[in-house]
């Protein structure tokens, strides 16, 4: 049995359903990306490439 990763569309659908559950106006994968990077920077992570 070959394992397959989640598709972009499946991830987007999950986020859309979660956004509807919390009754937010708009929610996208980019919002999650931006929040994640902001949290990394707040924690003092070094984002520079080697």
PDB file of N, CA and C in Angstrom:
ATOM      1  N   UNK A   1       0.846  -1.181   0.000  1.00  0.00           N
ATOM      2  CA  UNK A   1       0.000   0.000   0.000  1.00  0.00           C
ATOM      3  C   UNK A   1       0.892   1.245   0.000  1.00  0.00           C
ATOM      4  N   UNK A   2       0.644   2.108  -0.930  1.00  0.00           N
ATOM      5  CA  UNK A   2       1.438   3.330  -1.042  1.00  0.00           C
ATOM      6  C   UNK A   2       0.756   4.464  -0.276  1.00  0.00           C
ATOM      7  N   UNK A   3       1.539   5.178   0.546  1.00  0.00           N
ATOM      8  CA  UNK A   3       0.994   6.311   1.281  1.00  0.00           C
ATOM      9  C   UNK A   3       1.003   7.538   0.379  1.00  0.00           C
ATOM     10  N   UNK A   4      -0.069   8.295   0.447  1.00  0.00           N
ATOM     11  CA  UNK A   4      -0.160   9.522  -0.331  1.00  0.00           C
ATOM     12  C   UNK A   4      -0.337  10.690   0.622  1.00  0.00           C
ATOM     13  N   UNK A   5       0.218  11.829   0.244  1.00  0.00           N
ATOM     14  CA  UNK A   5       0.062  13.026   1.052  1.00  0.00           C
ATOM     15  C   UNK A   5      -1.292  13.680   0.813  1.00  0.00           C
ATOM     16  N   UNK A   6      -1.587  14.624   1.648  1.00  0.00           N
ATOM     17  CA  UNK A   6      -2.841  15.367   1.524  1.00  0.00           C
ATOM     18  C   UNK A   6      -2.728  16.353   0.363  1.00  0.00           C
ATOM     19  N   UNK A   7      -3.768  16.483  -0.413  1.00  0.00           N
ATOM     20  CA  UNK A   7      -3.749  17.436  -1.518  1.00  0.00           C
ATOM     21  C   UNK A   7      -3.967  18.853  -1.005  1.00  0.00           C
ATOM     22  N   UNK A   8      -3.569  19.823  -1.808  1.00  0.00           N
ATOM     23  CA  UNK A   8      -3.796  21.223  -1.458  1.00  0.00           C
ATOM     24  C   UNK A   8      -5.286  21.490  -1.255  1.00  0.00           C
ATOM     25  N   UNK A   9      -6.091  20.910  -2.123  1.00  0.00           N
ATOM     26  CA  UNK A   9      -7.534  21.134  -2.047  1.00  0.00           C
ATOM     27  C   UNK A   9      -8.122  20.543  -0.769  1.00  0.00           C
ATOM     28  N   UNK A  10      -7.648  19.382  -0.352  1.00  0.00           N
ATOM     29  CA  UNK A  10      -8.137  18.769   0.881  1.00  0.00           C
ATOM     30  C   UNK A  10      -7.795  19.645   2.082  1.00  0.00           C
ATOM     31  N   UNK A  11      -6.576  20.175   2.101  1.00  0.00           N
ATOM     32  CA  UNK A  11      -6.157  21.060   3.192  1.00  0.00           C
ATOM     33  C   UNK A  11      -7.021  22.319   3.214  1.00  0.00           C
ATOM     34  N   UNK A  12      -7.249  22.891   2.043  1.00  0.00           N
ATOM     35  CA  UNK A  12      -8.083  24.090   1.957  1.00  0.00           C
ATOM     36  C   UNK A  12      -9.512  23.802   2.443  1.00  0.00           C
ATOM     37  N   UNK A  13     -10.054  22.664   2.076  1.00  0.00           N
ATOM     38  CA  UNK A  13     -11.414  22.302   2.508  1.00  0.00           C
ATOM     39  C   UNK A  13     -11.499  22.156   4.026  1.00  0.00           C
ATOM     40  N   UNK A  14     -10.479  21.572   4.633  1.00  0.00           N
ATOM     41  CA  UNK A  14     -10.453  21.443   6.094  1.00  0.00           C
ATOM     42  C   UNK A  14     -10.438  22.828   6.734  1.00  0.00           C
ATOM     43  N   UNK A  15      -9.586  23.723   6.228  1.00  0.00           N
ATOM     44  CA  UNK A  15      -9.522  25.081   6.771  1.00  0.00           C
ATOM     45  C   UNK A  15     -10.845  25.818   6.591  1.00  0.00           C
ATOM     46  N   UNK A  16     -11.473  25.633   5.448  1.00  0.00           N
ATOM     47  CA  UNK A  16     -12.747  26.297   5.194  1.00  0.00           C
ATOM     48  C   UNK A  16     -13.818  25.824   6.179  1.00  0.00           C
ATOM     49  N   UNK A  17     -13.851  24.519   6.441  1.00  0.00           N
ATOM     50  CA  UNK A  17     -14.819  23.986   7.407  1.00  0.00           C
ATOM     51  C   UNK A  17     -14.529  24.489   8.821  1.00  0.00           C
ATOM     52  N   UNK A  18     -13.257  24.534   9.195  1.00  0.00           N
ATOM     53  CA  UNK A  18     -12.909  25.050  10.522  1.00  0.00           C
ATOM     54  C   UNK A  18     -13.271  26.530  10.647  1.00  0.00           C
ATOM     55  N   UNK A  19     -13.038  27.289   9.583  1.00  0.00           N
ATOM     56  CA  UNK A  19     -13.414  28.697   9.582  1.00  0.00           C
ATOM     57  C   UNK A  19     -14.908  28.881   9.746  1.00  0.00           C
ATOM     58  N   UNK A  20     -15.687  28.028   9.120  1.00  0.00           N
ATOM     59  CA  UNK A  20     -17.145  28.105   9.247  1.00  0.00           C
ATOM     60  C   UNK A  20     -17.580  27.765  10.675  1.00  0.00           C
ATOM     61  N   UNK A  21     -16.904  26.820  11.303  1.00  0.00           N
ATOM     62  CA  UNK A  21     -17.249  26.432  12.678  1.00  0.00           C
ATOM     63  C   UNK A  21     -17.002  27.565  13.663  1.00  0.00           C
ATOM     64  N   UNK A  22     -15.942  28.344  13.429  1.00  0.00           N
ATOM     65  CA  UNK A  22     -15.660  29.449  14.354  1.00  0.00           C
ATOM     66  C   UNK A  22     -16.284  30.760  13.876  1.00  0.00           C
ATOM     67  N   UNK A  23     -17.040  30.669  12.790  1.00  0.00           N
ATOM     68  CA  UNK A  23     -17.802  31.797  12.241  1.00  0.00           C
ATOM     69  C   UNK A  23     -16.923  33.003  11.899  1.00  0.00           C
ATOM     70  N   UNK A  24     -15.812  32.729  11.218  1.00  0.00           N
ATOM     71  CA  UNK A  24     -14.939  33.796  10.748  1.00  0.00           C
ATOM     72  C   UNK A  24     -15.351  34.208   9.339  1.00  0.00           C
ATOM     73  N   UNK A  25     -15.099  35.457   8.993  1.00  0.00           N
ATOM     74  CA  UNK A  25     -15.507  35.938   7.671  1.00  0.00           C
ATOM     75  C   UNK A  25     -14.686  35.297   6.561  1.00  0.00           C
ATOM     76  N   UNK A  26     -13.371  35.281   6.722  1.00  0.00           N
ATOM     77  CA  UNK A  26     -12.531  34.649   5.702  1.00  0.00           C
ATOM     78  C   UNK A  26     -11.336  33.999   6.381  1.00  0.00           C
ATOM     79  N   UNK A  27     -10.862  32.945   5.779  1.00  0.00           N
ATOM     80  CA  UNK A  27      -9.782  32.170   6.363  1.00  0.00           C
ATOM     81  C   UNK A  27      -9.106  31.423   5.229  1.00  0.00           C
ATOM     82  N   UNK A  28      -7.793  31.507   5.136  1.00  0.00           N
ATOM     83  CA  UNK A  28      -7.100  30.848   4.034  1.00  0.00           C
ATOM     84  C   UNK A  28      -5.816  30.191   4.526  1.00  0.00           C
ATOM     85  N   UNK A  29      -5.236  29.309   3.733  1.00  0.00           N
ATOM     86  CA  UNK A  29      -3.953  28.715   4.102  1.00  0.00           C
ATOM     87  C   UNK A  29      -2.877  29.787   4.320  1.00  0.00           C
ATOM     88  N   UNK A  30      -2.950  30.880   3.588  1.00  0.00           N
ATOM     89  CA  UNK A  30      -1.966  31.945   3.751  1.00  0.00           C
ATOM     90  C   UNK A  30      -2.068  32.563   5.153  1.00  0.00           C
ATOM     91  N   UNK A  31      -3.264  32.669   5.689  1.00  0.00           N
ATOM     92  CA  UNK A  31      -3.433  33.177   7.051  1.00  0.00           C
ATOM     93  C   UNK A  31      -2.714  32.275   8.056  1.00  0.00           C
ATOM     94  N   UNK A  32      -2.815  30.960   7.865  1.00  0.00           N
ATOM     95  CA  UNK A  32      -2.121  30.028   8.757  1.00  0.00           C
ATOM     96  C   UNK A  32      -0.618  30.174   8.609  1.00  0.00           C
ATOM     97  N   UNK A  33      -0.147  30.301   7.381  1.00  0.00           N
ATOM     98  CA  UNK A  33       1.282  30.464   7.121  1.00  0.00           C
ATOM     99  C   UNK A  33       1.809  31.719   7.805  1.00  0.00           C
ATOM    100  N   UNK A  34       1.073  32.805   7.656  1.00  0.00           N
ATOM    101  CA  UNK A  34       1.479  34.083   8.246  1.00  0.00           C
ATOM    102  C   UNK A  34       1.504  34.007   9.771  1.00  0.00           C
ATOM    103  N   UNK A  35       0.495  33.364  10.365  1.00  0.00           N
ATOM    104  CA  UNK A  35       0.442  33.206  11.814  1.00  0.00           C
ATOM    105  C   UNK A  35       1.597  32.343  12.312  1.00  0.00           C
ATOM    106  N   UNK A  36       1.877  31.253  11.606  1.00  0.00           N
ATOM    107  CA  UNK A  36       2.967  30.355  11.997  1.00  0.00           C
ATOM    108  C   UNK A  36       4.305  31.079  11.983  1.00  0.00           C
ATOM    109  N   UNK A  37       4.575  31.832  10.916  1.00  0.00           N
ATOM    110  CA  UNK A  37       5.837  32.561  10.823  1.00  0.00           C
ATOM    111  C   UNK A  37       5.918  33.631  11.905  1.00  0.00           C
ATOM    112  N   UNK A  38       4.819  34.315  12.159  1.00  0.00           N
ATOM    113  CA  UNK A  38       4.797  35.317  13.222  1.00  0.00           C
ATOM    114  C   UNK A  38       5.113  34.697  14.579  1.00  0.00           C
ATOM    115  N   UNK A  39       4.553  33.523  14.837  1.00  0.00           N
ATOM    116  CA  UNK A  39       4.821  32.829  16.102  1.00  0.00           C
ATOM    117  C   UNK A  39       6.293  32.417  16.199  1.00  0.00           C
ATOM    118  N   UNK A  40       6.873  31.971  15.080  1.00  0.00           N
ATOM    119  CA  UNK A  40       8.292  31.615  15.076  1.00  0.00           C
ATOM    120  C   UNK A  40       9.154  32.828  15.395  1.00  0.00           C
ATOM    121  N   UNK A  41       8.846  33.953  14.763  1.00  0.00           N
ATOM    122  CA  UNK A  41       9.613  35.166  15.008  1.00  0.00           C
ATOM    123  C   UNK A  41       9.462  35.644  16.455  1.00  0.00           C
ATOM    124  N   UNK A  42       8.253  35.563  16.986  1.00  0.00           N
ATOM    125  CA  UNK A  42       8.027  35.942  18.391  1.00  0.00           C
ATOM    126  C   UNK A  42       8.820  35.061  19.352  1.00  0.00           C
ATOM    127  N   UNK A  43       9.035  33.812  18.965  1.00  0.00           N
ATOM    128  CA  UNK A  43       9.786  32.866  19.800  1.00  0.00           C
ATOM    129  C   UNK A  43      11.293  33.016  19.613  1.00  0.00           C
ATOM    130  N   UNK A  44      11.708  33.918  18.713  1.00  0.00           N
ATOM    131  CA  UNK A  44      13.144  34.161  18.518  1.00  0.00           C
ATOM    132  C   UNK A  44      13.807  33.279  17.486  1.00  0.00           C
ATOM    133  N   UNK A  45      13.036  32.633  16.635  1.00  0.00           N
ATOM    134  CA  UNK A  45      13.609  31.767  15.615  1.00  0.00           C
ATOM    135  C   UNK A  45      14.398  32.579  14.597  1.00  0.00           C
ATOM    136  N   UNK A  46      15.496  31.988  14.101  1.00  0.00           N
ATOM    137  CA  UNK A  46      16.311  32.609  13.065  1.00  0.00           C
ATOM    138  C   UNK A  46      15.833  32.056  11.722  1.00  0.00           C
ATOM    139  N   UNK A  47      15.248  32.903  10.905  1.00  0.00           N
ATOM    140  CA  UNK A  47      14.677  32.457   9.633  1.00  0.00           C
ATOM    141  C   UNK A  47      15.633  32.621   8.456  1.00  0.00           C
ATOM    142  N   UNK A  48      16.848  33.047   8.717  1.00  0.00           N
ATOM    143  CA  UNK A  48      17.795  33.237   7.616  1.00  0.00           C
ATOM    144  C   UNK A  48      18.263  31.882   7.092  1.00  0.00           C
ATOM    145  N   UNK A  49      18.524  31.827   5.812  1.00  0.00           N
ATOM    146  CA  UNK A  49      18.984  30.595   5.189  1.00  0.00           C
ATOM    147  C   UNK A  49      20.481  30.424   5.433  1.00  0.00           C
ATOM    148  N   UNK A  50      20.940  29.175   5.570  1.00  0.00           N
ATOM    149  CA  UNK A  50      22.374  28.946   5.809  1.00  0.00           C
ATOM    150  C   UNK A  50      23.214  29.267   4.610  1.00  0.00           C
TER     151      UNK A  50
END
